[in-house]
Amino acid sequence: MTTRIKRTYNLDEATVRHVREMSAEYGVADSQDAVVELAVERLYREALDRVEDGRWAAAAVDPAFVAEMREVASDLGGDESWPA
């Protein structure tokens, strides 16, 4: 079981209404806490994805990385031998 921590946040009235609606009317989660947890987890994953996308974009223009990946691909026999 995970440790729960009681926190108090000052949220806009519309945000509180949306959380209540998502829990009670739309069945997004079983509780308001769970709605907030889902939303935060989604935003967290999106932020991590943006960081990772940036790292891959930087790697794609890094001559050393590109050369190493070409070498790895060559060692593996190219695309033809890679499992589908």
Protein backbone atom coordinates (compact mmCIF):
# COMPACT_ATOMS: atom_id res chain seq x y z
CA MET A 1 0.00 0.00 0.00
CA THR A 2 1.32 3.44 -0.87
CA THR A 3 1.74 6.16 1.71
CA ARG A 4 -0.91 8.86 1.46
CA ILE A 5 -0.13 12.47 2.33
CA LYS A 6 -2.84 15.01 3.10
CA ARG A 7 -2.24 18.27 1.20
CA THR A 8 -4.24 21.45 0.78
CA TYR A 9 -4.13 23.40 -2.49
CA ASN A 10 -5.90 26.61 -3.46
CA LEU A 11 -7.61 25.80 -6.74
CA ASP A 12 -9.85 27.81 -8.99
CA GLU A 13 -13.55 27.11 -8.44
CA ALA A 14 -13.92 25.81 -12.01
CA THR A 15 -11.07 23.36 -11.49
CA VAL A 16 -12.71 21.97 -8.35
CA ARG A 17 -16.02 21.67 -10.22
CA HIS A 18 -14.32 19.83 -13.08
CA VAL A 19 -12.64 17.39 -10.70
CA ARG A 20 -15.98 16.67 -9.01
CA GLU A 21 -17.72 16.20 -12.36
CA MET A 22 -15.02 13.89 -13.69
CA SER A 23 -15.38 11.70 -10.63
CA ALA A 24 -19.14 11.78 -10.02
CA GLU A 25 -20.64 12.28 -13.47
CA TYR A 26 -18.12 11.01 -15.98
CA GLY A 27 -16.61 8.10 -14.07
CA VAL A 28 -13.03 9.11 -14.85
CA ALA A 29 -11.97 7.76 -11.44
CA ASP A 30 -13.57 6.48 -8.26
CA SER A 31 -12.73 9.58 -6.21
CA GLN A 32 -11.72 13.19 -6.60
CA ASP A 33 -8.27 12.31 -5.26
CA ALA A 34 -7.94 9.66 -7.96
CA VAL A 35 -8.94 12.17 -10.66
CA VAL A 36 -6.20 14.53 -9.50
CA GLU A 37 -3.67 11.68 -9.32
CA LEU A 38 -4.52 10.61 -12.87
CA ALA A 39 -4.22 14.17 -14.15
CA VAL A 40 -0.88 14.77 -12.44
CA GLU A 41 0.48 11.43 -13.63
CA ARG A 42 -0.56 12.24 -17.23
CA LEU A 43 1.07 15.68 -17.07
CA TYR A 44 4.20 14.15 -15.53
CA ARG A 45 4.48 11.57 -18.34
CA GLU A 46 3.91 14.29 -20.95
CA ALA A 47 6.70 16.39 -19.41
CA LEU A 48 9.06 13.40 -19.41
CA ASP A 49 8.12 12.64 -23.03
CA ARG A 50 8.97 16.22 -24.04
CA VAL A 51 12.37 15.92 -22.34
CA GLU A 52 13.03 12.57 -24.03
CA ASP A 53 11.90 13.94 -27.41
CA GLY A 54 14.36 16.79 -26.99
CA ARG A 55 17.17 14.39 -26.16
CA TRP A 56 16.41 12.26 -29.23
CA ALA A 57 16.25 15.38 -31.41
CA ALA A 58 19.64 16.49 -30.10
CA ALA A 59 21.07 12.99 -30.64
CA ALA A 60 19.81 12.95 -34.23
CA VAL A 61 22.08 15.88 -35.07
CA ASP A 62 25.04 14.74 -32.94
CA PRO A 63 27.64 13.40 -35.40
CA ALA A 64 29.19 11.05 -32.82
CA PHE A 65 25.83 9.52 -31.90
CA VAL A 66 24.75 9.16 -35.53
CA ALA A 67 28.05 7.46 -36.40
CA GLU A 68 27.72 5.08 -33.46
CA MET A 69 24.15 4.16 -34.40
CA ARG A 70 25.21 3.51 -38.01
CA GLU A 71 27.94 1.24 -36.69
CA VAL A 72 25.48 -0.62 -34.47
CA ALA A 73 23.05 -1.01 -37.38
CA SER A 74 25.85 -2.30 -39.57
CA ASP A 75 26.93 -4.78 -36.89
CA LEU A 76 23.34 -6.04 -36.69
CA GLY A 77 23.20 -6.56 -40.44
CA GLY A 78 20.95 -3.61 -41.28
CA ASP A 79 17.18 -3.40 -41.27
CA GLU A 80 16.68 -6.66 -43.17
CA SER A 81 17.73 -8.89 -40.29
CA TRP A 82 15.94 -7.01 -37.52
CA PRO A 83 12.88 -8.87 -36.15
CA ALA A 84 9.54 -7.51 -37.30
